[in-house]
Structure formats: structure tokens, C-alpha cells
Amino acid sequence: MDLRVLQLVDHLLLIEHELQVQGWWSAEAPSSEALSSQQPFCVDTLAFEQWLQWIFLPRMKEIIEQGYPLPAVSGIQQMGEMVYVDRPEQARALLALLGAFDRLIAGSAV
């Protein structure tokens, strides 16, 4: 596993941890209907933190574990900034982690 992939794995764990710290981690999965939304980020059925927990993190873990090609770009920090526009201080650490993730995916230094 190359250094970039190891850094991505670390960032996924940090994102998961920050969701837990903020109290945005749920023990109960959303309904299968909510998880099967066709909208980007499941905006019509899930809160952003639910999407991170139940869609984004599992998909990224699967991509890494299976050795699939990584996405070429990620705009997840930008989406987070829109979602948390009214509470930027509370989401500051999560947004920083999402930004670092975006840079890693793009192949830039963190």
C-alpha cells in the first residue's frame, strides 16, 4: 500500500472520529430507501453527516480494501462548507479533515 493510500485510510478514521466527537454518529442506519437516493450526497433523504457515515466512509473503505482506482477528484469539503454554513466553528475540525481528504485524492500534499 502506498503512502497516499495510508494517508487516506488515516483521514477516513479521523473523519469517523470527528463525527463521533460532534455527536453526529448514529448507531442506527437510515432506511434502505433513504440510502438508495439518486441525488448527490443523498441530499433529499439524509443529513450530510449521515451520508458521510453510511455512504461515503463505507464506499471509500471498500475502494481501498479492494484496490479499486481512487476517485480523481473530491469536492467533499465544499459540500460540507455549504451544509455547515450556519455553524462553521462547530464543523471547523471536520471541514479541515474533509479538505485534507480532497487534497489527498487530488494527489496534492496535505
PDB file of N, CA and C in Angstrom:
ATOM      1  N   MET A   1       0.855  -1.175   0.000  1.00  0.00           N
ATOM      2  CA  MET A   1       0.000   0.000   0.000  1.00  0.00           C
ATOM      3  C   MET A   1       0.902   1.240   0.000  1.00  0.00           C
ATOM      4  N   ASP A   2       0.619   2.155  -0.898  1.00  0.00           N
ATOM      5  CA  ASP A   2       1.486   3.339  -0.976  1.00  0.00           C
ATOM      6  C   ASP A   2       1.129   4.374   0.093  1.00  0.00           C
ATOM      7  N   LEU A   3       2.010   5.335   0.258  1.00  0.00           N
ATOM      8  CA  LEU A   3       1.862   6.340   1.314  1.00  0.00           C
ATOM      9  C   LEU A   3       0.543   7.100   1.194  1.00  0.00           C
ATOM     10  N   ARG A   4       0.160   7.459  -0.025  1.00  0.00           N
ATOM     11  CA  ARG A   4      -1.086   8.214  -0.223  1.00  0.00           C
ATOM     12  C   ARG A   4      -2.292   7.421   0.269  1.00  0.00           C
ATOM     13  N   VAL A   5      -2.319   6.141  -0.028  1.00  0.00           N
ATOM     14  CA  VAL A   5      -3.444   5.304   0.422  1.00  0.00           C
ATOM     15  C   VAL A   5      -3.445   5.203   1.943  1.00  0.00           C
ATOM     16  N   LEU A   6      -2.270   5.057   2.547  1.00  0.00           N
ATOM     17  CA  LEU A   6      -2.194   5.014   4.005  1.00  0.00           C
ATOM     18  C   LEU A   6      -2.685   6.324   4.616  1.00  0.00           C
ATOM     19  N   GLN A   7      -2.350   7.452   4.002  1.00  0.00           N
ATOM     20  CA  GLN A   7      -2.829   8.743   4.483  1.00  0.00           C
ATOM     21  C   GLN A   7      -4.344   8.841   4.340  1.00  0.00           C
ATOM     22  N   LEU A   8      -4.896   8.322   3.246  1.00  0.00           N
ATOM     23  CA  LEU A   8      -6.347   8.323   3.064  1.00  0.00           C
ATOM     24  C   LEU A   8      -7.031   7.492   4.147  1.00  0.00           C
ATOM     25  N   VAL A   9      -6.468   6.324   4.442  1.00  0.00           N
ATOM     26  CA  VAL A   9      -7.030   5.470   5.494  1.00  0.00           C
ATOM     27  C   VAL A   9      -7.036   6.231   6.822  1.00  0.00           C
ATOM     28  N   ASP A  10      -5.924   6.889   7.140  1.00  0.00           N
ATOM     29  CA  ASP A  10      -5.859   7.685   8.370  1.00  0.00           C
ATOM     30  C   ASP A  10      -6.930   8.767   8.384  1.00  0.00           C
ATOM     31  N   HIS A  11      -7.108   9.446   7.257  1.00  0.00           N
ATOM     32  CA  HIS A  11      -8.097  10.529   7.201  1.00  0.00           C
ATOM     33  C   HIS A  11      -9.525  10.008   7.333  1.00  0.00           C
ATOM     34  N   LEU A  12      -9.795   8.847   6.776  1.00  0.00           N
ATOM     35  CA  LEU A  12     -11.128   8.268   6.936  1.00  0.00           C
ATOM     36  C   LEU A  12     -11.406   7.977   8.412  1.00  0.00           C
ATOM     37  N   LEU A  13     -10.407   7.463   9.118  1.00  0.00           N
ATOM     38  CA  LEU A  13     -10.573   7.205  10.555  1.00  0.00           C
ATOM     39  C   LEU A  13     -10.744   8.507  11.335  1.00  0.00           C
ATOM     40  N   LEU A  14     -10.010   9.538  10.944  1.00  0.00           N
ATOM     41  CA  LEU A  14     -10.140  10.833  11.612  1.00  0.00           C
ATOM     42  C   LEU A  14     -11.512  11.457  11.368  1.00  0.00           C
ATOM     43  N   ILE A  15     -12.021  11.307  10.153  1.00  0.00           N
ATOM     44  CA  ILE A  15     -13.368  11.813   9.843  1.00  0.00           C
ATOM     45  C   ILE A  15     -14.399  11.077  10.700  1.00  0.00           C
ATOM     46  N   GLU A  16     -14.269   9.759  10.772  1.00  0.00           N
ATOM     47  CA  GLU A  16     -15.183   8.966  11.601  1.00  0.00           C
ATOM     48  C   GLU A  16     -15.111   9.420  13.056  1.00  0.00           C
ATOM     49  N   HIS A  17     -13.911   9.595  13.558  1.00  0.00           N
ATOM     50  CA  HIS A  17     -13.738  10.035  14.943  1.00  0.00           C
ATOM     51  C   HIS A  17     -14.373  11.412  15.174  1.00  0.00           C
ATOM     52  N   GLU A  18     -14.169  12.333  14.256  1.00  0.00           N
ATOM     53  CA  GLU A  18     -14.730  13.676  14.426  1.00  0.00           C
ATOM     54  C   GLU A  18     -16.255  13.645  14.404  1.00  0.00           C
ATOM     55  N   LEU A  19     -16.841  12.809  13.580  1.00  0.00           N
ATOM     56  CA  LEU A  19     -18.299  12.661  13.585  1.00  0.00           C
ATOM     57  C   LEU A  19     -18.769  12.186  14.962  1.00  0.00           C
ATOM     58  N   GLN A  20     -18.019  11.266  15.561  1.00  0.00           N
ATOM     59  CA  GLN A  20     -18.376  10.774  16.886  1.00  0.00           C
ATOM     60  C   GLN A  20     -18.211  11.868  17.937  1.00  0.00           C
ATOM     61  N   VAL A  21     -17.118  12.608  17.876  1.00  0.00           N
ATOM     62  CA  VAL A  21     -16.864  13.690  18.828  1.00  0.00           C
ATOM     63  C   VAL A  21     -17.998  14.714  18.797  1.00  0.00           C
ATOM     64  N   GLN A  22     -18.464  15.036  17.594  1.00  0.00           N
ATOM     65  CA  GLN A  22     -19.519  16.035  17.446  1.00  0.00           C
ATOM     66  C   GLN A  22     -20.907  15.496  17.807  1.00  0.00           C
ATOM     67  N   GLY A  23     -21.022  14.191  18.024  1.00  0.00           N
ATOM     68  CA  GLY A  23     -22.323  13.596  18.312  1.00  0.00           C
ATOM     69  C   GLY A  23     -23.137  13.387  17.051  1.00  0.00           C
ATOM     70  N   TRP A  24     -22.455  13.362  15.917  1.00  0.00           N
ATOM     71  CA  TRP A  24     -23.125  13.205  14.624  1.00  0.00           C
ATOM     72  C   TRP A  24     -23.056  11.763  14.122  1.00  0.00           C
ATOM     73  N   TRP A  25     -22.627  10.848  14.943  1.00  0.00           N
ATOM     74  CA  TRP A  25     -22.507   9.442  14.581  1.00  0.00           C
ATOM     75  C   TRP A  25     -23.737   8.727  15.105  1.00  0.00           C
ATOM     76  N   SER A  26     -24.348   7.921  14.276  1.00  0.00           N
ATOM     77  CA  SER A  26     -25.580   7.250  14.663  1.00  0.00           C
ATOM     78  C   SER A  26     -25.374   5.737  14.754  1.00  0.00           C
ATOM     79  N   ALA A  27     -25.975   5.127  15.765  1.00  0.00           N
ATOM     80  CA  ALA A  27     -25.910   3.674  15.918  1.00  0.00           C
ATOM     81  C   ALA A  27     -26.911   2.984  14.999  1.00  0.00           C
ATOM     82  N   GLU A  28     -27.925   3.728  14.577  1.00  0.00           N
ATOM     83  CA  GLU A  28     -28.977   3.159  13.733  1.00  0.00           C
ATOM     84  C   GLU A  28     -28.859   3.628  12.299  1.00  0.00           C
ATOM     85  N   ALA A  29     -28.856   2.683  11.391  1.00  0.00           N
ATOM     86  CA  ALA A  29     -28.761   3.015   9.968  1.00  0.00           C
ATOM     87  C   ALA A  29     -30.072   3.622   9.471  1.00  0.00           C
ATOM     88  N   PRO A  30     -29.981   4.549   8.529  1.00  0.00           N
ATOM     89  CA  PRO A  30     -31.194   5.059   7.892  1.00  0.00           C
ATOM     90  C   PRO A  30     -31.883   3.927   7.112  1.00  0.00           C
ATOM     91  N   SER A  31     -33.100   4.166   6.704  1.00  0.00           N
ATOM     92  CA  SER A  31     -33.837   3.158   5.941  1.00  0.00           C
ATOM     93  C   SER A  31     -33.138   2.874   4.613  1.00  0.00           C
ATOM     94  N   SER A  32     -33.407   1.719   4.047  1.00  0.00           N
ATOM     95  CA  SER A  32     -32.805   1.377   2.748  1.00  0.00           C
ATOM     96  C   SER A  32     -33.260   2.355   1.671  1.00  0.00           C
ATOM     97  N   GLU A  33     -34.485   2.869   1.802  1.00  0.00           N
ATOM     98  CA  GLU A  33     -34.975   3.858   0.838  1.00  0.00           C
ATOM     99  C   GLU A  33     -34.141   5.142   0.924  1.00  0.00           C
ATOM    100  N   ALA A  34     -33.855   5.590   2.135  1.00  0.00           N
ATOM    101  CA  ALA A  34     -33.052   6.801   2.313  1.00  0.00           C
ATOM    102  C   ALA A  34     -31.645   6.607   1.765  1.00  0.00           C
ATOM    103  N   LEU A  35     -31.097   5.422   1.958  1.00  0.00           N
ATOM    104  CA  LEU A  35     -29.739   5.143   1.486  1.00  0.00           C
ATOM    105  C   LEU A  35     -29.657   4.966  -0.025  1.00  0.00           C
ATOM    106  N   SER A  36     -30.778   4.725  -0.670  1.00  0.00           N
ATOM    107  CA  SER A  36     -30.753   4.473  -2.114  1.00  0.00           C
ATOM    108  C   SER A  36     -31.114   5.703  -2.946  1.00  0.00           C
ATOM    109  N   SER A  37     -31.084   6.867  -2.340  1.00  0.00           N
ATOM    110  CA  SER A  37     -31.365   8.108  -3.063  1.00  0.00           C
ATOM    111  C   SER A  37     -30.443   8.249  -4.264  1.00  0.00           C
ATOM    112  N   GLN A  38     -30.960   8.827  -5.327  1.00  0.00           N
ATOM    113  CA  GLN A  38     -30.165   9.064  -6.527  1.00  0.00           C
ATOM    114  C   GLN A  38     -29.585  10.474  -6.575  1.00  0.00           C
ATOM    115  N   GLN A  39     -29.927  11.297  -5.592  1.00  0.00           N
ATOM    116  CA  GLN A  39     -29.427  12.668  -5.536  1.00  0.00           C
ATOM    117  C   GLN A  39     -27.989  12.684  -5.019  1.00  0.00           C
ATOM    118  N   PRO A  40     -27.164  13.625  -5.513  1.00  0.00           N
ATOM    119  CA  PRO A  40     -25.812  13.741  -4.971  1.00  0.00           C
ATOM    120  C   PRO A  40     -25.857  13.939  -3.455  1.00  0.00           C
ATOM    121  N   PHE A  41     -24.986  13.234  -2.750  1.00  0.00           N
ATOM    122  CA  PHE A  41     -24.892  13.300  -1.291  1.00  0.00           C
ATOM    123  C   PHE A  41     -26.201  12.908  -0.608  1.00  0.00           C
ATOM    124  N   CYS A  42     -27.127  12.294  -1.334  1.00  0.00           N
ATOM    125  CA  CYS A  42     -28.446  11.907  -0.797  1.00  0.00           C
ATOM    126  C   CYS A  42     -29.117  13.088  -0.111  1.00  0.00           C
ATOM    127  N   VAL A  43     -28.977  14.272  -0.696  1.00  0.00           N
ATOM    128  CA  VAL A  43     -29.478  15.496  -0.055  1.00  0.00           C
ATOM    129  C   VAL A  43     -30.973  15.463   0.207  1.00  0.00           C
ATOM    130  N   ASP A  44     -31.695  14.644  -0.527  1.00  0.00           N
ATOM    131  CA  ASP A  44     -33.137  14.589  -0.343  1.00  0.00           C
ATOM    132  C   ASP A  44     -33.568  13.629   0.763  1.00  0.00           C
ATOM    133  N   THR A  45     -32.642  12.789   1.254  1.00  0.00           N
ATOM    134  CA  THR A  45     -33.043  11.781   2.236  1.00  0.00           C
ATOM    135  C   THR A  45     -32.161  11.697   3.474  1.00  0.00           C
ATOM    136  N   LEU A  46     -30.938  12.223   3.418  1.00  0.00           N
ATOM    137  CA  LEU A  46     -30.005  12.092   4.539  1.00  0.00           C
ATOM    138  C   LEU A  46     -29.404  13.440   4.921  1.00  0.00           C
ATOM    139  N   ALA A  47     -29.098  13.598   6.192  1.00  0.00           N
ATOM    140  CA  ALA A  47     -28.269  14.718   6.619  1.00  0.00           C
ATOM    141  C   ALA A  47     -26.851  14.433   6.119  1.00  0.00           C
ATOM    142  N   PHE A  48     -26.060  15.473   5.933  1.00  0.00           N
ATOM    143  CA  PHE A  48     -24.708  15.308   5.417  1.00  0.00           C
ATOM    144  C   PHE A  48     -23.880  14.343   6.267  1.00  0.00           C
ATOM    145  N   GLU A  49     -23.993  14.464   7.589  1.00  0.00           N
ATOM    146  CA  GLU A  49     -23.224  13.569   8.451  1.00  0.00           C
ATOM    147  C   GLU A  49     -23.683  12.118   8.312  1.00  0.00           C
ATOM    148  N   GLN A  50     -24.980  11.902   8.037  1.00  0.00           N
ATOM    149  CA  GLN A  50     -25.458  10.542   7.767  1.00  0.00           C
ATOM    150  C   GLN A  50     -24.848  10.022   6.468  1.00  0.00           C
ATOM    151  N   TRP A  51     -24.808  10.887   5.462  1.00  0.00           N
ATOM    152  CA  TRP A  51     -24.211  10.487   4.190  1.00  0.00           C
ATOM    153  C   TRP A  51     -22.739  10.118   4.392  1.00  0.00           C
ATOM    154  N   LEU A  52     -22.025  10.927   5.179  1.00  0.00           N
ATOM    155  CA  LEU A  52     -20.613  10.612   5.454  1.00  0.00           C
ATOM    156  C   LEU A  52     -20.493   9.238   6.103  1.00  0.00           C
ATOM    157  N   GLN A  53     -21.312   8.991   7.127  1.00  0.00           N
ATOM    158  CA  GLN A  53     -21.218   7.743   7.880  1.00  0.00           C
ATOM    159  C   GLN A  53     -21.660   6.525   7.089  1.00  0.00           C
ATOM    160  N   TRP A  54     -22.785   6.631   6.410  1.00  0.00           N
ATOM    161  CA  TRP A  54     -23.402   5.441   5.830  1.00  0.00           C
ATOM    162  C   TRP A  54     -23.115   5.227   4.345  1.00  0.00           C
ATOM    163  N   ILE A  55     -22.646   6.246   3.642  1.00  0.00           N
ATOM    164  CA  ILE A  55     -22.355   6.110   2.210  1.00  0.00           C
ATOM    165  C   ILE A  55     -20.864   6.339   1.938  1.00  0.00           C
ATOM    166  N   PHE A  56     -20.384   7.531   2.265  1.00  0.00           N
ATOM    167  CA  PHE A  56     -19.020   7.923   1.923  1.00  0.00           C
ATOM    168  C   PHE A  56     -17.960   7.026   2.565  1.00  0.00           C
ATOM    169  N   LEU A  57     -17.970   6.921   3.897  1.00  0.00           N
ATOM    170  CA  LEU A  57     -16.936   6.132   4.568  1.00  0.00           C
ATOM    171  C   LEU A  57     -16.938   4.667   4.124  1.00  0.00           C
ATOM    172  N   PRO A  58     -18.093   3.990   4.083  1.00  0.00           N
ATOM    173  CA  PRO A  58     -18.067   2.595   3.621  1.00  0.00           C
ATOM    174  C   PRO A  58     -17.585   2.447   2.167  1.00  0.00           C
ATOM    175  N   ARG A  59     -17.994   3.364   1.281  1.00  0.00           N
ATOM    176  CA  ARG A  59     -17.543   3.265  -0.112  1.00  0.00           C
ATOM    177  C   ARG A  59     -16.043   3.465  -0.231  1.00  0.00           C
ATOM    178  N   MET A  60     -15.519   4.460   0.480  1.00  0.00           N
ATOM    179  CA  MET A  60     -14.078   4.701   0.415  1.00  0.00           C
ATOM    180  C   MET A  60     -13.300   3.530   1.007  1.00  0.00           C
ATOM    181  N   LYS A  61     -13.793   2.956   2.087  1.00  0.00           N
ATOM    182  CA  LYS A  61     -13.125   1.797   2.676  1.00  0.00           C
ATOM    183  C   LYS A  61     -13.135   0.621   1.706  1.00  0.00           C
ATOM    184  N   GLU A  62     -14.247   0.426   1.014  1.00  0.00           N
ATOM    185  CA  GLU A  62     -14.331  -0.662   0.037  1.00  0.00           C
ATOM    186  C   GLU A  62     -13.354  -0.427  -1.125  1.00  0.00           C
ATOM    187  N   ILE A  63     -13.300   0.789  -1.626  1.00  0.00           N
ATOM    188  CA  ILE A  63     -12.384   1.120  -2.722  1.00  0.00           C
ATOM    189  C   ILE A  63     -10.951   0.798  -2.305  1.00  0.00           C
ATOM    190  N   ILE A  64     -10.584   1.199  -1.112  1.00  0.00           N
ATOM    191  CA  ILE A  64      -9.211   0.967  -0.645  1.00  0.00           C
ATOM    192  C   ILE A  64      -8.957  -0.520  -0.405  1.00  0.00           C
ATOM    193  N   GLU A  65      -9.877  -1.196   0.291  1.00  0.00           N
ATOM    194  CA  GLU A  65      -9.689  -2.612   0.607  1.00  0.00           C
ATOM    195  C   GLU A  65      -9.629  -3.481  -0.649  1.00  0.00           C
ATOM    196  N   GLN A  66     -10.421  -3.127  -1.663  1.00  0.00           N
ATOM    197  CA  GLN A  66     -10.463  -3.923  -2.889  1.00  0.00           C
ATOM    198  C   GLN A  66      -9.393  -3.511  -3.900  1.00  0.00           C
ATOM    199  N   GLY A  67      -8.692  -2.425  -3.604  1.00  0.00           N
ATOM    200  CA  GLY A  67      -7.649  -1.962  -4.515  1.00  0.00           C
ATOM    201  C   GLY A  67      -8.199  -1.330  -5.783  1.00  0.00           C
ATOM    202  N   TYR A  68      -9.442  -0.843  -5.717  1.00  0.00           N
ATOM    203  CA  TYR A  68     -10.036  -0.176  -6.869  1.00  0.00           C
ATOM    204  C   TYR A  68      -9.345   1.171  -7.090  1.00  0.00           C
ATOM    205  N   PRO A  69      -9.432   1.715  -8.292  1.00  0.00           N
ATOM    206  CA  PRO A  69      -8.837   3.039  -8.530  1.00  0.00           C
ATOM    207  C   PRO A  69      -9.515   4.095  -7.657  1.00  0.00           C
ATOM    208  N   LEU A  70      -8.699   4.983  -7.139  1.00  0.00           N
ATOM    209  CA  LEU A  70      -9.236   6.073  -6.327  1.00  0.00           C
ATOM    210  C   LEU A  70      -9.919   7.090  -7.226  1.00  0.00           C
ATOM    211  N   PRO A  71     -10.908   7.799  -6.704  1.00  0.00           N
ATOM    212  CA  PRO A  71     -11.512   8.886  -7.485  1.00  0.00           C
ATOM    213  C   PRO A  71     -10.433   9.901  -7.857  1.00  0.00           C
ATOM    214  N   ALA A  72     -10.613  10.570  -8.968  1.00  0.00           N
ATOM    215  CA  ALA A  72      -9.628  11.557  -9.424  1.00  0.00           C
ATOM    216  C   ALA A  72      -9.774  12.875  -8.685  1.00  0.00           C
ATOM    217  N   VAL A  73     -10.982  13.201  -8.281  1.00  0.00           N
ATOM    218  CA  VAL A  73     -11.244  14.459  -7.580  1.00  0.00           C
ATOM    219  C   VAL A  73     -12.280  14.221  -6.488  1.00  0.00           C
ATOM    220  N   SER A  74     -12.302  15.156  -5.550  1.00  0.00           N
ATOM    221  CA  SER A  74     -13.301  15.120  -4.484  1.00  0.00           C
ATOM    222  C   SER A  74     -13.612  16.558  -4.100  1.00  0.00           C
ATOM    223  N   GLY A  75     -14.870  16.867  -3.991  1.00  0.00           N
ATOM    224  CA  GLY A  75     -15.289  18.196  -3.570  1.00  0.00           C
ATOM    225  C   GLY A  75     -16.065  18.148  -2.276  1.00  0.00           C
ATOM    226  N   ILE A  76     -15.683  17.213  -1.432  1.00  0.00           N
ATOM    227  CA  ILE A  76     -16.459  16.977  -0.222  1.00  0.00           C
ATOM    228  C   ILE A  76     -16.364  18.130   0.780  1.00  0.00           C
ATOM    229  N   GLN A  77     -15.209  18.803   0.846  1.00  0.00           N
ATOM    230  CA  GLN A  77     -15.100  19.944   1.757  1.00  0.00           C
ATOM    231  C   GLN A  77     -16.066  21.049   1.346  1.00  0.00           C
ATOM    232  N   GLN A  78     -16.163  21.304   0.068  1.00  0.00           N
ATOM    233  CA  GLN A  78     -17.062  22.354  -0.421  1.00  0.00           C
ATOM    234  C   GLN A  78     -18.511  22.041  -0.041  1.00  0.00           C
ATOM    235  N   MET A  79     -18.908  20.791  -0.167  1.00  0.00           N
ATOM    236  CA  MET A  79     -20.265  20.408   0.233  1.00  0.00           C
ATOM    237  C   MET A  79     -20.443  20.620   1.734  1.00  0.00           C
ATOM    238  N   GLY A  80     -19.454  20.229   2.514  1.00  0.00           N
ATOM    239  CA  GLY A  80     -19.525  20.427   3.951  1.00  0.00           C
ATOM    240  C   GLY A  80     -19.640  21.893   4.327  1.00  0.00           C
ATOM    241  N   GLU A  81     -18.911  22.741   3.628  1.00  0.00           N
ATOM    242  CA  GLU A  81     -18.987  24.181   3.908  1.00  0.00           C
ATOM    243  C   GLU A  81     -20.383  24.730   3.638  1.00  0.00           C
ATOM    244  N   MET A  82     -21.039  24.206   2.617  1.00  0.00           N
ATOM    245  CA  MET A  82     -22.414  24.646   2.331  1.00  0.00           C
ATOM    246  C   MET A  82     -23.367  24.151   3.418  1.00  0.00           C
ATOM    247  N   VAL A  83     -23.189  22.909   3.824  1.00  0.00           N
ATOM    248  CA  VAL A  83     -24.074  22.320   4.830  1.00  0.00           C
ATOM    249  C   VAL A  83     -23.921  23.007   6.181  1.00  0.00           C
ATOM    250  N   TYR A  84     -22.681  23.290   6.563  1.00  0.00           N
ATOM    251  CA  TYR A  84     -22.411  23.834   7.893  1.00  0.00           C
ATOM    252  C   TYR A  84     -22.181  25.338   7.875  1.00  0.00           C
ATOM    253  N   VAL A  85     -22.728  26.035   6.897  1.00  0.00           N
ATOM    254  CA  VAL A  85     -22.541  27.474   6.782  1.00  0.00           C
ATOM    255  C   VAL A  85     -23.015  28.214   8.035  1.00  0.00           C
ATOM    256  N   ASP A  86     -24.024  27.679   8.695  1.00  0.00           N
ATOM    257  CA  ASP A  86     -24.562  28.336   9.888  1.00  0.00           C
ATOM    258  C   ASP A  86     -23.876  27.910  11.180  1.00  0.00           C
ATOM    259  N   ARG A  87     -22.955  26.981  11.099  1.00  0.00           N
ATOM    260  CA  ARG A  87     -22.203  26.537  12.286  1.00  0.00           C
ATOM    261  C   ARG A  87     -20.754  26.188  11.936  1.00  0.00           C
ATOM    262  N   PRO A  88     -20.049  27.144  11.325  1.00  0.00           N
ATOM    263  CA  PRO A  88     -18.682  26.868  10.861  1.00  0.00           C
ATOM    264  C   PRO A  88     -17.712  26.528  11.987  1.00  0.00           C
ATOM    265  N   GLU A  89     -17.892  27.122  13.143  1.00  0.00           N
ATOM    266  CA  GLU A  89     -16.954  26.840  14.244  1.00  0.00           C
ATOM    267  C   GLU A  89     -17.126  25.412  14.745  1.00  0.00           C
ATOM    268  N   GLN A  90     -18.366  24.961  14.865  1.00  0.00           N
ATOM    269  CA  GLN A  90     -18.614  23.589  15.317  1.00  0.00           C
ATOM    270  C   GLN A  90     -18.051  22.586  14.317  1.00  0.00           C
ATOM    271  N   ALA A  91     -18.125  22.896  13.043  1.00  0.00           N
ATOM    272  CA  ALA A  91     -17.702  21.965  11.996  1.00  0.00           C
ATOM    273  C   ALA A  91     -16.257  22.192  11.548  1.00  0.00           C
ATOM    274  N   ARG A  92     -15.549  23.127  12.181  1.00  0.00           N
ATOM    275  CA  ARG A  92     -14.204  23.506  11.747  1.00  0.00           C
ATOM    276  C   ARG A  92     -13.275  22.305  11.579  1.00  0.00           C
ATOM    277  N   ALA A  93     -13.182  21.444  12.579  1.00  0.00           N
ATOM    278  CA  ALA A  93     -12.270  20.292  12.515  1.00  0.00           C
ATOM    279  C   ALA A  93     -12.691  19.317  11.419  1.00  0.00           C
ATOM    280  N   LEU A  94     -13.987  19.066  11.294  1.00  0.00           N
ATOM    281  CA  LEU A  94     -14.468  18.162  10.250  1.00  0.00           C
ATOM    282  C   LEU A  94     -14.167  18.736   8.866  1.00  0.00           C
ATOM    283  N   LEU A  95     -14.415  20.020   8.684  1.00  0.00           N
ATOM    284  CA  LEU A  95     -14.149  20.650   7.389  1.00  0.00           C
ATOM    285  C   LEU A  95     -12.668  20.597   7.047  1.00  0.00           C
ATOM    286  N   ALA A  96     -11.806  20.778   8.034  1.00  0.00           N
ATOM    287  CA  ALA A  96     -10.360  20.680   7.789  1.00  0.00           C
ATOM    288  C   ALA A  96      -9.987  19.268   7.345  1.00  0.00           C
ATOM    289  N   LEU A  97     -10.574  18.264   7.972  1.00  0.00           N
ATOM    290  CA  LEU A  97     -10.310  16.873   7.584  1.00  0.00           C
ATOM    291  C   LEU A  97     -10.826  16.583   6.182  1.00  0.00           C
ATOM    292  N   LEU A  98     -11.995  17.112   5.855  1.00  0.00           N
ATOM    293  CA  LEU A  98     -12.546  16.904   4.513  1.00  0.00           C
ATOM    294  C   LEU A  98     -11.681  17.591   3.464  1.00  0.00           C
ATOM    295  N   GLY A  99     -11.161  18.770   3.791  1.00  0.00           N
ATOM    296  CA  GLY A  99     -10.261  19.469   2.873  1.00  0.00           C
ATOM    297  C   GLY A  99      -8.978  18.693   2.645  1.00  0.00           C
ATOM    298  N   ALA A 100      -8.420  18.132   3.715  1.00  0.00           N
ATOM    299  CA  ALA A 100      -7.211  17.317   3.585  1.00  0.00           C
ATOM    300  C   ALA A 100      -7.503  16.081   2.733  1.00  0.00           C
ATOM    301  N   PHE A 101      -8.673  15.498   2.920  1.00  0.00           N
ATOM    302  CA  PHE A 101      -9.070  14.353   2.100  1.00  0.00           C
ATOM    303  C   PHE A 101      -9.133  14.740   0.634  1.00  0.00           C
ATOM    304  N   ASP A 102      -9.763  15.875   0.338  1.00  0.00           N
ATOM    305  CA  ASP A 102      -9.854  16.358  -1.046  1.00  0.00           C
ATOM    306  C   ASP A 102      -8.472  16.512  -1.662  1.00  0.00           C
ATOM    307  N   ARG A 103      -7.536  17.083  -0.898  1.00  0.00           N
ATOM    308  CA  ARG A 103      -6.179  17.291  -1.419  1.00  0.00           C
ATOM    309  C   ARG A 103      -5.467  15.958  -1.647  1.00  0.00           C
ATOM    310  N   LEU A 104      -5.676  14.996  -0.742  1.00  0.00           N
ATOM    311  CA  LEU A 104      -5.066  13.680  -0.931  1.00  0.00           C
ATOM    312  C   LEU A 104      -5.598  12.988  -2.176  1.00  0.00           C
ATOM    313  N   ILE A 105      -6.888  13.064  -2.383  1.00  0.00           N
ATOM    314  CA  ILE A 105      -7.490  12.451  -3.570  1.00  0.00           C
ATOM    315  C   ILE A 105      -6.933  13.094  -4.834  1.00  0.00           C
ATOM    316  N   ALA A 106      -6.756  14.407  -4.786  1.00  0.00           N
ATOM    317  CA  ALA A 106      -6.231  15.125  -5.956  1.00  0.00           C
ATOM    318  C   ALA A 106      -4.741  14.883  -6.158  1.00  0.00           C
ATOM    319  N   GLY A 107      -4.122  14.239  -5.185  1.00  0.00           N
ATOM    320  CA  GLY A 107      -2.693  13.968  -5.299  1.00  0.00           C
ATOM    321  C   GLY A 107      -1.830  15.112  -4.830  1.00  0.00           C
ATOM    322  N   SER A 108      -2.434  16.076  -4.132  1.00  0.00           N
ATOM    323  CA  SER A 108      -1.685  17.220  -3.608  1.00  0.00           C
ATOM    324  C   SER A 108      -1.187  16.886  -2.207  1.00  0.00           C
ATOM    325  N   ALA A 109      -0.205  17.634  -1.769  1.00  0.00           N
ATOM    326  CA  ALA A 109       0.287  17.478  -0.404  1.00  0.00           C
ATOM    327  C   ALA A 109      -0.768  17.940   0.580  1.00  0.00           C
ATOM    328  N   VAL A 110      -0.825  17.294   1.714  1.00  0.00           N
ATOM    329  CA  VAL A 110      -1.803  17.664   2.747  1.00  0.00           C
ATOM    330  C   VAL A 110      -1.308  18.813   3.578  1.00  0.00           C
TER     331      VAL A 110
END
